[in-house]
Amino acid sequence: MIDATLATMADPVSTVQTVASSLATQKTATEVGTALLANALDTQKIMGDATVRMMENSVTPHIGGGFDGYA
């Protein structure tokens, strides 16, 4: 009976360790995903700015002159 009690007491510790490890792994995955999305957002902003500059400096300036890409 005492052995069964000791086994039950050790099980919650193992469970807590497993949960803590799982949460740490999930946190790392979330941080990586967030960094990738931030990088993609930066890339889109750069490409958008380049598109605005391209339209403003086009061969026919009257087309891009009134373009407000920041509105």
N, C-alpha and C. Protein backbone atom coordinates (compact mmCIF):
# COMPACT_ATOMS: atom_id res chain seq x y z
N MET A 1 0.82 -1.19 0.00
CA MET A 1 0.00 0.00 0.00
C MET A 1 0.87 1.25 0.00
N ILE A 2 1.97 1.24 0.73
CA ILE A 2 2.86 2.40 0.78
C ILE A 2 3.52 2.62 -0.57
N ASP A 3 3.89 1.55 -1.27
CA ASP A 3 4.49 1.69 -2.59
C ASP A 3 3.53 2.35 -3.58
N ALA A 4 2.26 2.02 -3.50
CA ALA A 4 1.25 2.62 -4.39
C ALA A 4 1.12 4.11 -4.08
N THR A 5 1.18 4.49 -2.82
CA THR A 5 1.10 5.90 -2.42
C THR A 5 2.31 6.67 -2.94
N LEU A 6 3.50 6.11 -2.84
CA LEU A 6 4.70 6.77 -3.34
C LEU A 6 4.66 6.93 -4.85
N ALA A 7 4.15 5.94 -5.54
CA ALA A 7 4.04 6.01 -6.99
C ALA A 7 3.07 7.10 -7.40
N THR A 8 1.97 7.25 -6.66
CA THR A 8 0.99 8.30 -6.95
C THR A 8 1.57 9.67 -6.68
N MET A 9 2.40 9.81 -5.65
CA MET A 9 3.00 11.10 -5.32
C MET A 9 4.03 11.52 -6.37
N ALA A 10 4.72 10.58 -6.97
CA ALA A 10 5.74 10.88 -7.97
C ALA A 10 5.10 11.27 -9.30
N ASP A 11 3.92 10.76 -9.57
CA ASP A 11 3.25 11.00 -10.84
C ASP A 11 2.92 12.48 -11.07
N PRO A 12 2.41 13.24 -10.09
CA PRO A 12 2.14 14.66 -10.32
C PRO A 12 3.41 15.45 -10.67
N VAL A 13 4.54 15.10 -10.09
CA VAL A 13 5.79 15.78 -10.41
C VAL A 13 6.15 15.54 -11.86
N SER A 14 6.03 14.31 -12.29
CA SER A 14 6.31 13.98 -13.67
C SER A 14 5.36 14.72 -14.60
N THR A 15 4.10 14.81 -14.22
CA THR A 15 3.10 15.52 -15.03
C THR A 15 3.44 17.00 -15.12
N VAL A 16 3.82 17.61 -14.03
CA VAL A 16 4.19 19.03 -14.03
C VAL A 16 5.40 19.27 -14.92
N GLN A 17 6.37 18.39 -14.85
CA GLN A 17 7.56 18.52 -15.70
C GLN A 17 7.19 18.40 -17.17
N THR A 18 6.31 17.47 -17.48
CA THR A 18 5.88 17.28 -18.87
C THR A 18 5.13 18.50 -19.38
N VAL A 19 4.25 19.03 -18.56
CA VAL A 19 3.49 20.22 -18.95
C VAL A 19 4.42 21.42 -19.12
N ALA A 20 5.36 21.60 -18.21
CA ALA A 20 6.31 22.72 -18.29
C ALA A 20 7.14 22.62 -19.57
N SER A 21 7.59 21.43 -19.88
CA SER A 21 8.37 21.23 -21.10
C SER A 21 7.53 21.53 -22.34
N SER A 22 6.31 21.08 -22.32
CA SER A 22 5.41 21.30 -23.45
C SER A 22 5.12 22.79 -23.63
N LEU A 23 4.90 23.51 -22.55
CA LEU A 23 4.65 24.95 -22.63
C LEU A 23 5.88 25.70 -23.14
N ALA A 24 7.06 25.29 -22.72
CA ALA A 24 8.29 25.93 -23.18
C ALA A 24 8.46 25.72 -24.68
N THR A 25 8.16 24.53 -25.15
CA THR A 25 8.25 24.24 -26.58
C THR A 25 7.24 25.07 -27.36
N GLN A 26 6.03 25.18 -26.83
CA GLN A 26 4.98 25.96 -27.49
C GLN A 26 5.35 27.44 -27.52
N LYS A 27 5.93 27.94 -26.44
CA LYS A 27 6.34 29.34 -26.38
C LYS A 27 7.40 29.62 -27.44
N THR A 28 8.35 28.72 -27.57
CA THR A 28 9.41 28.89 -28.58
C THR A 28 8.81 28.89 -29.98
N ALA A 29 7.90 28.00 -30.24
CA ALA A 29 7.25 27.94 -31.56
C ALA A 29 6.47 29.22 -31.83
N THR A 30 5.81 29.74 -30.83
CA THR A 30 5.06 30.99 -30.98
C THR A 30 6.00 32.15 -31.27
N GLU A 31 7.13 32.20 -30.57
CA GLU A 31 8.09 33.28 -30.79
C GLU A 31 8.69 33.21 -32.20
N VAL A 32 8.97 32.01 -32.67
CA VAL A 32 9.49 31.85 -34.03
C VAL A 32 8.45 32.29 -35.05
N GLY A 33 7.21 31.88 -34.86
CA GLY A 33 6.14 32.27 -35.76
C GLY A 33 5.94 33.78 -35.79
N THR A 34 6.00 34.41 -34.62
CA THR A 34 5.85 35.86 -34.54
C THR A 34 7.00 36.57 -35.25
N ALA A 35 8.21 36.06 -35.09
CA ALA A 35 9.36 36.66 -35.78
C ALA A 35 9.22 36.53 -37.29
N LEU A 36 8.75 35.39 -37.77
CA LEU A 36 8.55 35.21 -39.20
C LEU A 36 7.48 36.15 -39.75
N LEU A 37 6.39 36.31 -38.99
CA LEU A 37 5.33 37.21 -39.44
C LEU A 37 5.81 38.67 -39.43
N ALA A 38 6.62 39.04 -38.45
CA ALA A 38 7.17 40.40 -38.40
C ALA A 38 8.07 40.64 -39.61
N ASN A 39 8.85 39.65 -39.97
CA ASN A 39 9.72 39.76 -41.13
C ASN A 39 8.89 39.90 -42.41
N ALA A 40 7.83 39.13 -42.52
CA ALA A 40 6.96 39.21 -43.70
C ALA A 40 6.29 40.57 -43.78
N LEU A 41 5.88 41.11 -42.64
CA LEU A 41 5.26 42.43 -42.61
C LEU A 41 6.24 43.51 -43.05
N ASP A 42 7.47 43.43 -42.56
CA ASP A 42 8.50 44.38 -42.97
C ASP A 42 8.73 44.32 -44.48
N THR A 43 8.77 43.12 -45.02
CA THR A 43 8.97 42.93 -46.46
C THR A 43 7.83 43.56 -47.25
N GLN A 44 6.61 43.36 -46.78
CA GLN A 44 5.45 43.93 -47.47
C GLN A 44 5.47 45.46 -47.42
N LYS A 45 5.90 46.03 -46.30
CA LYS A 45 5.99 47.49 -46.20
C LYS A 45 7.02 48.02 -47.18
N ILE A 46 8.16 47.34 -47.28
CA ILE A 46 9.22 47.76 -48.21
C ILE A 46 8.70 47.68 -49.64
N MET A 47 8.03 46.60 -49.97
CA MET A 47 7.51 46.44 -51.33
C MET A 47 6.43 47.48 -51.63
N GLY A 48 5.60 47.79 -50.65
CA GLY A 48 4.57 48.81 -50.84
C GLY A 48 5.19 50.18 -51.07
N ASP A 49 6.21 50.52 -50.28
CA ASP A 49 6.90 51.80 -50.47
C ASP A 49 7.54 51.87 -51.85
N ALA A 50 8.12 50.77 -52.29
CA ALA A 50 8.75 50.74 -53.62
C ALA A 50 7.70 50.92 -54.71
N THR A 51 6.53 50.34 -54.53
CA THR A 51 5.45 50.49 -55.51
C THR A 51 5.00 51.94 -55.59
N VAL A 52 4.87 52.58 -54.45
CA VAL A 52 4.48 53.99 -54.43
C VAL A 52 5.52 54.84 -55.14
N ARG A 53 6.79 54.62 -54.84
CA ARG A 53 7.86 55.37 -55.52
C ARG A 53 7.85 55.12 -57.02
N MET A 54 7.61 53.89 -57.41
CA MET A 54 7.59 53.55 -58.83
C MET A 54 6.45 54.30 -59.53
N MET A 55 5.29 54.34 -58.91
CA MET A 55 4.16 55.04 -59.52
C MET A 55 4.40 56.55 -59.57
N GLU A 56 5.00 57.09 -58.53
CA GLU A 56 5.27 58.53 -58.49
C GLU A 56 6.32 58.93 -59.53
N ASN A 57 7.24 58.04 -59.85
CA ASN A 57 8.31 58.33 -60.79
C ASN A 57 8.09 57.69 -62.16
N SER A 58 6.86 57.38 -62.48
CA SER A 58 6.58 56.69 -63.73
C SER A 58 6.85 57.61 -64.93
N VAL A 59 6.84 57.00 -66.10
CA VAL A 59 7.10 57.73 -67.34
C VAL A 59 6.03 58.80 -67.57
N THR A 60 4.82 58.50 -67.12
CA THR A 60 3.73 59.46 -67.21
C THR A 60 3.43 59.96 -65.81
N PRO A 61 4.12 61.01 -65.37
CA PRO A 61 4.01 61.45 -63.97
C PRO A 61 2.60 61.82 -63.54
N HIS A 62 1.76 62.23 -64.48
CA HIS A 62 0.40 62.61 -64.07
C HIS A 62 -0.39 61.42 -63.54
N ILE A 63 0.03 60.20 -63.88
CA ILE A 63 -0.67 59.01 -63.37
C ILE A 63 -0.30 58.77 -61.91
N GLY A 64 0.97 58.84 -61.60
CA GLY A 64 1.39 58.56 -60.24
C GLY A 64 1.44 59.77 -59.34
N GLY A 65 1.30 60.95 -59.91
CA GLY A 65 1.42 62.19 -59.12
C GLY A 65 0.34 62.33 -58.07
N GLY A 66 -0.85 61.90 -58.37
CA GLY A 66 -1.95 62.05 -57.42
C GLY A 66 -2.20 60.82 -56.58
N PHE A 67 -1.35 59.85 -56.72
CA PHE A 67 -1.54 58.60 -55.98
C PHE A 67 -1.13 58.77 -54.52
N ASP A 68 -2.05 58.48 -53.63
CA ASP A 68 -1.76 58.57 -52.20
C ASP A 68 -1.80 57.16 -51.63
N GLY A 69 -0.67 56.53 -51.57
CA GLY A 69 -0.60 55.15 -51.09
C GLY A 69 -0.62 55.03 -49.59
N TYR A 70 -0.65 56.12 -48.88
CA TYR A 70 -0.60 56.11 -47.43
C TYR A 70 -1.95 56.46 -46.81
N ALA A 71 -2.96 56.69 -47.60
CA ALA A 71 -4.26 57.08 -47.08
C ALA A 71 -4.97 55.92 -46.44
